[in-house]
Amino acid sequence: MPRPPIQRNPLPYAEALAARDLAAIDLVVIHCTELPDLAMARRYGERVLYESGTGNSGHYYIDRDGSIHEYVDPDRIAHHTRGYNPRSIGIELVNSGRYPHWLDSRQQAMDEAYTGAQVEALIALLGELHARIPSLKSIAGHEDLDLDEVEASDDPALKVRRKRDPGTQFPWQQILDAVPLLRLS
């Protein structure tokens, strides 16, 4: 499989993220941005949220047209999944998810399908990462790892999942058939 074209556009704080040995990476976590477009996802990624001068971001973003954007080099620890960051690479697929009512109990469906171009680009990127990082063995969705429930924004008596991505529209079987990674769930 040919190397996928990757547009490198590091976040302003990327060099402030902790460095790591690629051999420490054994997991890829699949996310959806739950935002309408790549530009808004970039703005969210650039937000500084921590005293270290860093924020929340995946390593790679795949737009609906299949373009791949590297915001954080895999040799840095990005903040994308609590408890798993030191050992994982975060890949974000542009998808509206539950936007803009993420925690509204009446808006929990994740109905937007992923594009064929996104899925093809993801398969190519996963193949590239697996070849480059031999320790990479597993894949999971954000929803598989972050099981927390929080109060619904429309009714505090109700609980909703904090994270539901990549959601029911994600083509797990197609991905697992194409790449030699085991799904954690």
N, C-alpha and C. Protein backbone atom coordinates (compact mmCIF):
# COMPACT_ATOMS: atom_id res chain seq x y z
N MET A 1 0.85 -1.19 0.00
CA MET A 1 0.00 0.00 0.00
C MET A 1 0.89 1.25 0.00
N PRO A 2 0.62 2.21 -0.88
CA PRO A 2 1.45 3.43 -0.92
C PRO A 2 1.24 4.27 0.33
N ARG A 3 2.27 5.03 0.68
CA ARG A 3 2.18 5.94 1.83
C ARG A 3 1.11 6.98 1.56
N PRO A 4 0.23 7.21 2.51
CA PRO A 4 -0.78 8.24 2.30
C PRO A 4 -0.15 9.63 2.42
N PRO A 5 -0.63 10.59 1.62
CA PRO A 5 -0.12 11.96 1.79
C PRO A 5 -0.62 12.53 3.12
N ILE A 6 0.29 13.07 3.89
CA ILE A 6 -0.06 13.63 5.20
C ILE A 6 0.40 15.09 5.22
N GLN A 7 -0.54 15.97 5.50
CA GLN A 7 -0.23 17.40 5.61
C GLN A 7 0.16 17.67 7.06
N ARG A 8 1.39 18.08 7.27
CA ARG A 8 1.87 18.35 8.63
C ARG A 8 1.66 19.81 8.95
N ASN A 9 0.88 20.05 9.99
CA ASN A 9 0.55 21.40 10.43
C ASN A 9 0.47 21.37 11.95
N PRO A 10 1.63 21.34 12.62
CA PRO A 10 1.64 21.17 14.09
C PRO A 10 0.87 22.27 14.81
N LEU A 11 0.21 21.86 15.88
CA LEU A 11 -0.44 22.84 16.75
C LEU A 11 0.62 23.76 17.35
N PRO A 12 0.26 24.97 17.70
CA PRO A 12 1.26 25.92 18.23
C PRO A 12 2.00 25.39 19.46
N TYR A 13 1.36 24.55 20.24
CA TYR A 13 1.98 24.04 21.47
C TYR A 13 2.55 22.63 21.31
N ALA A 14 2.61 22.09 20.11
CA ALA A 14 3.00 20.69 19.92
C ALA A 14 4.35 20.36 20.57
N GLU A 15 5.31 21.26 20.49
CA GLU A 15 6.63 20.99 21.07
C GLU A 15 6.60 21.01 22.60
N ALA A 16 5.56 21.56 23.20
CA ALA A 16 5.43 21.58 24.66
C ALA A 16 4.85 20.27 25.20
N LEU A 17 4.29 19.44 24.33
CA LEU A 17 3.77 18.15 24.76
C LEU A 17 4.92 17.22 25.11
N ALA A 18 4.72 16.35 26.08
CA ALA A 18 5.77 15.44 26.52
C ALA A 18 6.22 14.53 25.38
N ALA A 19 7.53 14.34 25.29
CA ALA A 19 8.10 13.44 24.29
C ALA A 19 7.97 12.00 24.78
N ARG A 20 7.98 11.07 23.82
CA ARG A 20 7.95 9.65 24.17
C ARG A 20 8.65 8.86 23.08
N ASP A 21 9.05 7.66 23.45
CA ASP A 21 9.64 6.71 22.52
C ASP A 21 8.48 6.06 21.75
N LEU A 22 8.60 5.93 20.44
CA LEU A 22 7.54 5.31 19.66
C LEU A 22 7.26 3.88 20.12
N ALA A 23 8.23 3.21 20.71
CA ALA A 23 8.03 1.84 21.19
C ALA A 23 7.03 1.78 22.34
N ALA A 24 6.71 2.92 22.96
CA ALA A 24 5.72 2.95 24.04
C ALA A 24 4.29 2.90 23.51
N ILE A 25 4.12 3.05 22.21
CA ILE A 25 2.79 3.12 21.61
C ILE A 25 2.32 1.73 21.22
N ASP A 26 1.17 1.31 21.75
CA ASP A 26 0.59 0.03 21.36
C ASP A 26 -0.88 0.13 20.97
N LEU A 27 -1.43 1.35 20.96
CA LEU A 27 -2.87 1.53 20.78
C LEU A 27 -3.16 2.74 19.90
N VAL A 28 -4.15 2.60 19.03
CA VAL A 28 -4.73 3.72 18.29
C VAL A 28 -6.14 3.91 18.82
N VAL A 29 -6.51 5.16 19.11
CA VAL A 29 -7.87 5.47 19.54
C VAL A 29 -8.54 6.29 18.44
N ILE A 30 -9.70 5.79 17.99
CA ILE A 30 -10.46 6.46 16.94
C ILE A 30 -11.50 7.37 17.58
N HIS A 31 -11.54 8.60 17.10
CA HIS A 31 -12.46 9.62 17.59
C HIS A 31 -13.24 10.19 16.42
N CYS A 32 -14.33 10.87 16.72
CA CYS A 32 -14.89 11.79 15.74
C CYS A 32 -14.87 13.15 16.40
N THR A 33 -14.71 14.18 15.60
CA THR A 33 -14.53 15.52 16.14
C THR A 33 -15.78 16.04 16.84
N GLU A 34 -16.94 15.55 16.45
CA GLU A 34 -18.23 16.08 16.93
C GLU A 34 -18.31 17.59 16.72
N LEU A 35 -17.77 18.02 15.59
CA LEU A 35 -17.79 19.41 15.16
C LEU A 35 -18.10 19.43 13.67
N PRO A 36 -18.59 20.55 13.15
CA PRO A 36 -19.05 20.57 11.76
C PRO A 36 -17.96 20.49 10.70
N ASP A 37 -16.73 20.95 11.01
CA ASP A 37 -15.71 20.96 9.96
C ASP A 37 -14.31 20.96 10.57
N LEU A 38 -13.33 20.79 9.69
CA LEU A 38 -11.93 20.72 10.13
C LEU A 38 -11.46 22.03 10.71
N ALA A 39 -11.91 23.15 10.16
CA ALA A 39 -11.47 24.46 10.68
C ALA A 39 -11.87 24.63 12.14
N MET A 40 -13.09 24.24 12.48
CA MET A 40 -13.53 24.37 13.87
C MET A 40 -12.76 23.38 14.76
N ALA A 41 -12.50 22.19 14.24
CA ALA A 41 -11.73 21.22 15.02
C ALA A 41 -10.33 21.76 15.30
N ARG A 42 -9.75 22.42 14.33
CA ARG A 42 -8.43 23.04 14.53
C ARG A 42 -8.50 24.09 15.63
N ARG A 43 -9.52 24.95 15.57
CA ARG A 43 -9.66 25.99 16.60
C ARG A 43 -9.79 25.37 17.99
N TYR A 44 -10.57 24.30 18.12
CA TYR A 44 -10.70 23.62 19.41
C TYR A 44 -9.36 23.04 19.84
N GLY A 45 -8.62 22.46 18.90
CA GLY A 45 -7.31 21.89 19.21
C GLY A 45 -6.29 22.92 19.65
N GLU A 46 -6.42 24.14 19.15
CA GLU A 46 -5.46 25.20 19.51
C GLU A 46 -5.73 25.81 20.88
N ARG A 47 -6.88 25.53 21.47
CA ARG A 47 -7.19 26.11 22.78
C ARG A 47 -6.24 25.58 23.84
N VAL A 48 -5.65 26.50 24.58
CA VAL A 48 -4.78 26.12 25.69
C VAL A 48 -5.66 25.90 26.92
N LEU A 49 -5.55 24.70 27.49
CA LEU A 49 -6.41 24.31 28.61
C LEU A 49 -5.63 23.95 29.88
N TYR A 50 -4.33 23.78 29.75
CA TYR A 50 -3.53 23.30 30.87
C TYR A 50 -2.39 24.26 31.19
N GLU A 51 -1.93 24.20 32.43
CA GLU A 51 -0.82 25.06 32.85
C GLU A 51 0.43 24.84 32.00
N SER A 52 0.56 23.68 31.41
CA SER A 52 1.71 23.38 30.56
C SER A 52 1.68 24.18 29.25
N GLY A 53 0.56 24.88 29.00
CA GLY A 53 0.43 25.63 27.75
C GLY A 53 -0.10 24.78 26.61
N THR A 54 -0.65 23.61 26.94
CA THR A 54 -1.16 22.69 25.92
C THR A 54 -2.68 22.54 26.06
N GLY A 55 -3.26 21.80 25.12
CA GLY A 55 -4.71 21.59 25.13
C GLY A 55 -5.05 20.17 24.69
N ASN A 56 -6.31 19.96 24.31
CA ASN A 56 -6.79 18.65 23.87
C ASN A 56 -6.72 18.55 22.35
N SER A 57 -6.13 17.46 21.87
CA SER A 57 -6.03 17.27 20.43
C SER A 57 -5.64 15.83 20.13
N GLY A 58 -6.06 15.37 18.96
CA GLY A 58 -5.55 14.12 18.45
C GLY A 58 -4.25 14.36 17.71
N HIS A 59 -3.62 13.28 17.30
CA HIS A 59 -2.40 13.38 16.50
C HIS A 59 -2.74 13.67 15.03
N TYR A 60 -3.75 12.94 14.54
CA TYR A 60 -4.14 13.05 13.13
C TYR A 60 -5.62 13.38 13.03
N TYR A 61 -5.95 14.16 11.99
CA TYR A 61 -7.34 14.50 11.66
C TYR A 61 -7.56 14.10 10.21
N ILE A 62 -8.69 13.44 9.95
CA ILE A 62 -9.03 13.06 8.59
C ILE A 62 -10.32 13.77 8.21
N ASP A 63 -10.22 14.64 7.23
CA ASP A 63 -11.38 15.41 6.78
C ASP A 63 -12.29 14.54 5.92
N ARG A 64 -13.47 15.03 5.65
CA ARG A 64 -14.45 14.28 4.87
C ARG A 64 -13.95 13.94 3.47
N ASP A 65 -13.04 14.76 2.93
CA ASP A 65 -12.50 14.50 1.59
C ASP A 65 -11.35 13.49 1.61
N GLY A 66 -11.01 12.97 2.78
CA GLY A 66 -9.94 11.99 2.92
C GLY A 66 -8.57 12.58 3.17
N SER A 67 -8.46 13.89 3.20
CA SER A 67 -7.15 14.49 3.49
C SER A 67 -6.76 14.23 4.94
N ILE A 68 -5.49 13.93 5.14
CA ILE A 68 -4.95 13.60 6.46
C ILE A 68 -4.09 14.76 6.94
N HIS A 69 -4.33 15.20 8.17
CA HIS A 69 -3.62 16.33 8.75
C HIS A 69 -2.98 15.88 10.06
N GLU A 70 -1.67 16.06 10.16
CA GLU A 70 -0.96 15.73 11.40
C GLU A 70 -0.80 17.01 12.22
N TYR A 71 -1.45 17.04 13.39
CA TYR A 71 -1.35 18.19 14.28
C TYR A 71 -0.33 17.96 15.38
N VAL A 72 -0.09 16.70 15.72
CA VAL A 72 0.89 16.35 16.76
C VAL A 72 1.65 15.13 16.25
N ASP A 73 2.98 15.19 16.25
CA ASP A 73 3.79 14.06 15.84
C ASP A 73 3.58 12.92 16.84
N PRO A 74 3.54 11.68 16.36
CA PRO A 74 3.35 10.55 17.29
C PRO A 74 4.41 10.44 18.37
N ASP A 75 5.57 11.08 18.20
CA ASP A 75 6.59 11.01 19.25
C ASP A 75 6.30 11.96 20.41
N ARG A 76 5.13 12.58 20.38
CA ARG A 76 4.64 13.44 21.48
C ARG A 76 3.35 12.86 22.03
N ILE A 77 3.08 13.09 23.30
CA ILE A 77 1.86 12.60 23.94
C ILE A 77 0.78 13.67 23.81
N ALA A 78 -0.20 13.41 22.95
CA ALA A 78 -1.33 14.32 22.79
C ALA A 78 -2.40 13.99 23.83
N HIS A 79 -3.22 14.97 24.16
CA HIS A 79 -4.30 14.79 25.13
C HIS A 79 -5.59 14.50 24.36
N HIS A 80 -5.96 13.21 24.28
CA HIS A 80 -7.17 12.84 23.54
C HIS A 80 -8.04 11.82 24.26
N THR A 81 -7.47 10.99 25.13
CA THR A 81 -8.26 9.99 25.85
C THR A 81 -7.69 9.82 27.26
N ARG A 82 -8.44 10.26 28.25
CA ARG A 82 -7.95 10.16 29.62
C ARG A 82 -7.52 8.75 29.96
N GLY A 83 -6.31 8.65 30.55
CA GLY A 83 -5.80 7.38 31.01
C GLY A 83 -5.06 6.56 29.96
N TYR A 84 -5.12 6.97 28.70
CA TYR A 84 -4.51 6.19 27.62
C TYR A 84 -3.51 6.98 26.79
N ASN A 85 -3.36 8.26 27.06
CA ASN A 85 -2.52 9.11 26.21
C ASN A 85 -1.07 8.65 26.06
N PRO A 86 -0.37 8.27 27.13
CA PRO A 86 1.04 7.91 26.97
C PRO A 86 1.27 6.73 26.03
N ARG A 87 0.29 5.86 25.87
CA ARG A 87 0.48 4.65 25.07
C ARG A 87 -0.26 4.66 23.74
N SER A 88 -0.90 5.79 23.39
CA SER A 88 -1.78 5.75 22.22
C SER A 88 -1.57 6.91 21.25
N ILE A 89 -2.08 6.69 20.05
CA ILE A 89 -2.18 7.70 19.01
C ILE A 89 -3.67 7.99 18.83
N GLY A 90 -4.03 9.26 18.81
CA GLY A 90 -5.41 9.65 18.61
C GLY A 90 -5.65 10.08 17.16
N ILE A 91 -6.66 9.47 16.53
CA ILE A 91 -7.04 9.83 15.17
C ILE A 91 -8.47 10.34 15.21
N GLU A 92 -8.65 11.57 14.77
CA GLU A 92 -9.96 12.23 14.74
C GLU A 92 -10.50 12.26 13.31
N LEU A 93 -11.73 11.81 13.15
CA LEU A 93 -12.42 11.88 11.87
C LEU A 93 -13.42 13.02 11.94
N VAL A 94 -13.38 13.93 10.97
CA VAL A 94 -14.32 15.04 10.97
C VAL A 94 -15.72 14.47 10.76
N ASN A 95 -16.59 14.74 11.73
CA ASN A 95 -17.95 14.23 11.73
C ASN A 95 -18.72 15.03 12.77
N SER A 96 -19.93 15.42 12.45
CA SER A 96 -20.68 16.30 13.36
C SER A 96 -21.12 15.61 14.64
N GLY A 97 -21.22 14.29 14.65
CA GLY A 97 -21.60 13.60 15.88
C GLY A 97 -22.85 14.18 16.50
N ARG A 98 -22.78 14.60 17.75
CA ARG A 98 -23.93 15.17 18.46
C ARG A 98 -23.92 16.69 18.46
N TYR A 99 -23.01 17.30 17.70
CA TYR A 99 -22.89 18.75 17.66
C TYR A 99 -24.22 19.40 17.33
N PRO A 100 -24.57 20.52 17.97
CA PRO A 100 -23.88 21.22 19.05
C PRO A 100 -24.42 20.88 20.44
N HIS A 101 -25.25 19.86 20.52
CA HIS A 101 -25.92 19.52 21.79
C HIS A 101 -25.36 18.21 22.36
N TRP A 102 -24.04 18.20 22.59
CA TRP A 102 -23.34 16.98 22.96
C TRP A 102 -23.98 16.22 24.11
N LEU A 103 -24.46 16.93 25.11
CA LEU A 103 -24.95 16.25 26.32
C LEU A 103 -26.46 16.35 26.50
N ASP A 104 -27.18 16.79 25.50
CA ASP A 104 -28.64 16.85 25.55
C ASP A 104 -29.17 15.43 25.38
N SER A 105 -29.97 14.95 26.33
CA SER A 105 -30.44 13.57 26.28
C SER A 105 -31.27 13.28 25.04
N ARG A 106 -31.83 14.30 24.44
CA ARG A 106 -32.67 14.12 23.24
C ARG A 106 -31.85 14.16 21.96
N GLN A 107 -30.54 14.39 22.05
CA GLN A 107 -29.68 14.56 20.87
C GLN A 107 -28.48 13.60 20.91
N GLN A 108 -28.68 12.38 21.31
CA GLN A 108 -27.56 11.46 21.48
C GLN A 108 -27.25 10.59 20.25
N ALA A 109 -28.06 10.67 19.22
CA ALA A 109 -27.80 9.87 18.03
C ALA A 109 -26.58 10.42 17.28
N MET A 110 -25.80 9.53 16.76
CA MET A 110 -24.62 9.90 15.95
C MET A 110 -24.95 9.42 14.53
N ASP A 111 -25.68 10.23 13.79
CA ASP A 111 -26.28 9.81 12.52
C ASP A 111 -25.44 10.04 11.27
N GLU A 112 -24.43 10.90 11.33
CA GLU A 112 -23.67 11.20 10.12
C GLU A 112 -22.75 10.03 9.77
N ALA A 113 -22.88 9.53 8.55
CA ALA A 113 -22.00 8.46 8.08
C ALA A 113 -20.61 9.02 7.79
N TYR A 114 -19.62 8.19 7.92
CA TYR A 114 -18.26 8.55 7.53
C TYR A 114 -18.16 8.37 6.02
N THR A 115 -17.41 9.24 5.37
CA THR A 115 -17.30 9.16 3.91
C THR A 115 -16.36 8.02 3.51
N GLY A 116 -16.56 7.53 2.30
CA GLY A 116 -15.66 6.51 1.76
C GLY A 116 -14.22 7.00 1.73
N ALA A 117 -14.04 8.27 1.39
CA ALA A 117 -12.69 8.85 1.35
C ALA A 117 -12.05 8.84 2.74
N GLN A 118 -12.84 9.12 3.77
CA GLN A 118 -12.30 9.09 5.14
C GLN A 118 -11.88 7.67 5.51
N VAL A 119 -12.72 6.71 5.21
CA VAL A 119 -12.43 5.33 5.58
C VAL A 119 -11.18 4.84 4.84
N GLU A 120 -11.07 5.13 3.55
CA GLU A 120 -9.88 4.74 2.79
C GLU A 120 -8.63 5.41 3.35
N ALA A 121 -8.72 6.69 3.67
CA ALA A 121 -7.57 7.40 4.24
C ALA A 121 -7.20 6.82 5.60
N LEU A 122 -8.19 6.49 6.41
CA LEU A 122 -7.91 5.91 7.72
C LEU A 122 -7.20 4.57 7.57
N ILE A 123 -7.67 3.74 6.66
CA ILE A 123 -7.01 2.44 6.44
C ILE A 123 -5.56 2.65 6.01
N ALA A 124 -5.33 3.58 5.08
CA ALA A 124 -3.96 3.86 4.64
C ALA A 124 -3.10 4.38 5.78
N LEU A 125 -3.64 5.30 6.59
CA LEU A 125 -2.88 5.84 7.72
C LEU A 125 -2.57 4.75 8.74
N LEU A 126 -3.55 3.91 9.05
CA LEU A 126 -3.31 2.83 10.01
C LEU A 126 -2.24 1.87 9.49
N GLY A 127 -2.26 1.59 8.19
CA GLY A 127 -1.23 0.73 7.60
C GLY A 127 0.15 1.35 7.73
N GLU A 128 0.23 2.65 7.46
CA GLU A 128 1.49 3.38 7.58
C GLU A 128 1.99 3.37 9.02
N LEU A 129 1.11 3.64 9.97
CA LEU A 129 1.50 3.68 11.38
C LEU A 129 1.93 2.29 11.86
N HIS A 130 1.22 1.26 11.44
CA HIS A 130 1.56 -0.10 11.85
C HIS A 130 2.94 -0.49 11.32
N ALA A 131 3.25 -0.08 10.10
CA ALA A 131 4.57 -0.38 9.53
C ALA A 131 5.68 0.41 10.23
N ARG A 132 5.38 1.63 10.61
CA ARG A 132 6.38 2.51 11.24
C ARG A 132 6.59 2.22 12.72
N ILE A 133 5.52 1.74 13.38
CA ILE A 133 5.57 1.52 14.84
C ILE A 133 5.23 0.05 15.12
N PRO A 134 6.22 -0.83 15.13
CA PRO A 134 5.95 -2.26 15.30
C PRO A 134 5.22 -2.62 16.59
N SER A 135 5.33 -1.80 17.62
CA SER A 135 4.65 -2.09 18.88
C SER A 135 3.15 -1.83 18.82
N LEU A 136 2.67 -1.19 17.77
CA LEU A 136 1.26 -0.86 17.62
C LEU A 136 0.46 -2.14 17.33
N LYS A 137 -0.38 -2.54 18.27
CA LYS A 137 -1.09 -3.82 18.16
C LYS A 137 -2.60 -3.71 18.26
N SER A 138 -3.12 -2.62 18.87
CA SER A 138 -4.55 -2.56 19.19
C SER A 138 -5.19 -1.28 18.69
N ILE A 139 -6.52 -1.33 18.58
CA ILE A 139 -7.32 -0.19 18.16
C ILE A 139 -8.58 -0.18 19.03
N ALA A 140 -9.06 1.01 19.33
CA ALA A 140 -10.29 1.15 20.12
C ALA A 140 -10.99 2.43 19.72
N GLY A 141 -12.26 2.49 19.99
CA GLY A 141 -12.99 3.74 19.86
C GLY A 141 -12.93 4.48 21.17
N HIS A 142 -13.05 5.79 21.11
CA HIS A 142 -13.07 6.60 22.34
C HIS A 142 -14.16 6.09 23.27
N GLU A 143 -15.31 5.73 22.69
CA GLU A 143 -16.44 5.24 23.48
C GLU A 143 -16.14 3.92 24.19
N ASP A 144 -15.15 3.16 23.69
CA ASP A 144 -14.77 1.90 24.33
C ASP A 144 -13.94 2.13 25.60
N LEU A 145 -13.28 3.29 25.68
CA LEU A 145 -12.33 3.55 26.76
C LEU A 145 -12.83 4.54 27.79
N ASP A 146 -13.67 5.47 27.38
CA ASP A 146 -14.23 6.47 28.30
C ASP A 146 -15.70 6.15 28.50
N LEU A 147 -15.99 5.47 29.59
CA LEU A 147 -17.34 4.99 29.87
C LEU A 147 -18.11 5.90 30.83
N ASP A 148 -17.54 7.05 31.16
CA ASP A 148 -18.17 7.95 32.13
C ASP A 148 -19.52 8.45 31.65
N GLU A 149 -20.42 8.58 32.60
CA GLU A 149 -21.71 9.21 32.35
C GLU A 149 -21.76 10.51 33.12
N VAL A 150 -22.43 11.50 32.53
CA VAL A 150 -22.55 12.81 33.16
C VAL A 150 -24.01 13.24 33.10
N GLU A 151 -24.33 14.30 33.85
CA GLU A 151 -25.69 14.82 33.82
C GLU A 151 -26.01 15.35 32.43
N ALA A 152 -27.22 15.06 31.96
CA ALA A 152 -27.66 15.59 30.68
C ALA A 152 -27.87 17.10 30.80
N SER A 153 -27.53 17.83 29.76
CA SER A 153 -27.65 19.29 29.80
C SER A 153 -29.11 19.75 29.84
N ASP A 154 -30.02 18.94 29.37
CA ASP A 154 -31.43 19.32 29.35
C ASP A 154 -32.18 18.86 30.60
N ASP A 155 -31.61 17.90 31.34
CA ASP A 155 -32.28 17.37 32.52
C ASP A 155 -31.24 16.72 33.43
N PRO A 156 -30.82 17.43 34.49
CA PRO A 156 -29.76 16.89 35.37
C PRO A 156 -30.12 15.56 36.03
N ALA A 157 -31.39 15.17 36.01
CA ALA A 157 -31.78 13.89 36.57
C ALA A 157 -31.41 12.73 35.65
N LEU A 158 -31.11 13.04 34.40
CA LEU A 158 -30.74 12.00 33.43
C LEU A 158 -29.23 11.96 33.24
N LYS A 159 -28.73 10.79 32.94
CA LYS A 159 -27.31 10.61 32.65
C LYS A 159 -27.14 10.26 31.17
N VAL A 160 -26.07 10.79 30.58
CA VAL A 160 -25.69 10.45 29.21
C VAL A 160 -24.21 10.12 29.19
N ARG A 161 -23.81 9.35 28.17
CA ARG A 161 -22.40 9.04 28.02
C ARG A 161 -21.64 10.31 27.65
N ARG A 162 -20.52 10.52 28.31
CA ARG A 162 -19.68 11.68 28.03
C ARG A 162 -19.10 11.58 26.62
N LYS A 163 -18.66 10.40 26.24
CA LYS A 163 -18.07 10.16 24.93
C LYS A 163 -18.78 9.02 24.23
N ARG A 164 -19.17 9.24 22.99
CA ARG A 164 -19.87 8.22 22.20
C ARG A 164 -19.20 8.00 20.85
N ASP A 165 -18.03 8.57 20.67
CA ASP A 165 -17.38 8.48 19.37
C ASP A 165 -16.42 7.28 19.28
N PRO A 166 -16.29 6.74 18.09
CA PRO A 166 -16.74 7.26 16.81
C PRO A 166 -18.20 6.98 16.48
N GLY A 167 -18.92 6.22 17.29
CA GLY A 167 -20.35 6.05 17.11
C GLY A 167 -20.75 4.88 16.23
N THR A 168 -22.05 4.72 16.11
CA THR A 168 -22.62 3.55 15.42
C THR A 168 -22.39 3.57 13.91
N GLN A 169 -22.09 4.72 13.33
CA GLN A 169 -21.87 4.79 11.89
C GLN A 169 -20.43 4.41 11.49
N PHE A 170 -19.57 4.21 12.47
CA PHE A 170 -18.18 3.88 12.15
C PHE A 170 -18.10 2.44 11.64
N PRO A 171 -17.41 2.21 10.51
CA PRO A 171 -17.36 0.88 9.89
C PRO A 171 -16.28 -0.03 10.50
N TRP A 172 -16.51 -0.46 11.73
CA TRP A 172 -15.51 -1.25 12.43
C TRP A 172 -15.06 -2.48 11.64
N GLN A 173 -16.01 -3.24 11.11
CA GLN A 173 -15.62 -4.49 10.44
C GLN A 173 -14.73 -4.22 9.24
N GLN A 174 -15.04 -3.19 8.48
CA GLN A 174 -14.21 -2.84 7.32
C GLN A 174 -12.78 -2.49 7.75
N ILE A 175 -12.65 -1.75 8.84
CA ILE A 175 -11.33 -1.37 9.34
C ILE A 175 -10.58 -2.60 9.84
N LEU A 176 -11.25 -3.42 10.64
CA LEU A 176 -10.59 -4.59 11.21
C LEU A 176 -10.20 -5.61 10.14
N ASP A 177 -10.97 -5.69 9.06
CA ASP A 177 -10.63 -6.59 7.96
C ASP A 177 -9.41 -6.09 7.18
N ALA A 178 -9.17 -4.77 7.23
CA ALA A 178 -8.11 -4.16 6.41
C ALA A 178 -6.78 -3.98 7.12
N VAL A 179 -6.78 -3.94 8.44
CA VAL A 179 -5.55 -3.65 9.18
C VAL A 179 -5.31 -4.74 10.24
N PRO A 180 -4.04 -5.06 10.49
CA PRO A 180 -3.72 -6.11 11.47
C PRO A 180 -3.68 -5.61 12.91
N LEU A 181 -4.78 -5.06 13.36
CA LEU A 181 -4.89 -4.58 14.74
C LEU A 181 -6.05 -5.27 15.43
N LEU A 182 -5.93 -5.48 16.72
CA LEU A 182 -6.99 -6.09 17.53
C LEU A 182 -7.82 -5.00 18.18
N ARG A 183 -9.12 -5.16 18.17
CA ARG A 183 -9.98 -4.16 18.78
C ARG A 183 -10.10 -4.41 20.29
N LEU A 184 -9.84 -3.34 21.04
CA LEU A 184 -10.10 -3.36 22.49
C LEU A 184 -11.52 -2.87 22.68
N SER A 185 -12.29 -3.56 23.45
CA SER A 185 -13.64 -3.06 23.75
C SER A 185 -14.13 -3.64 25.05
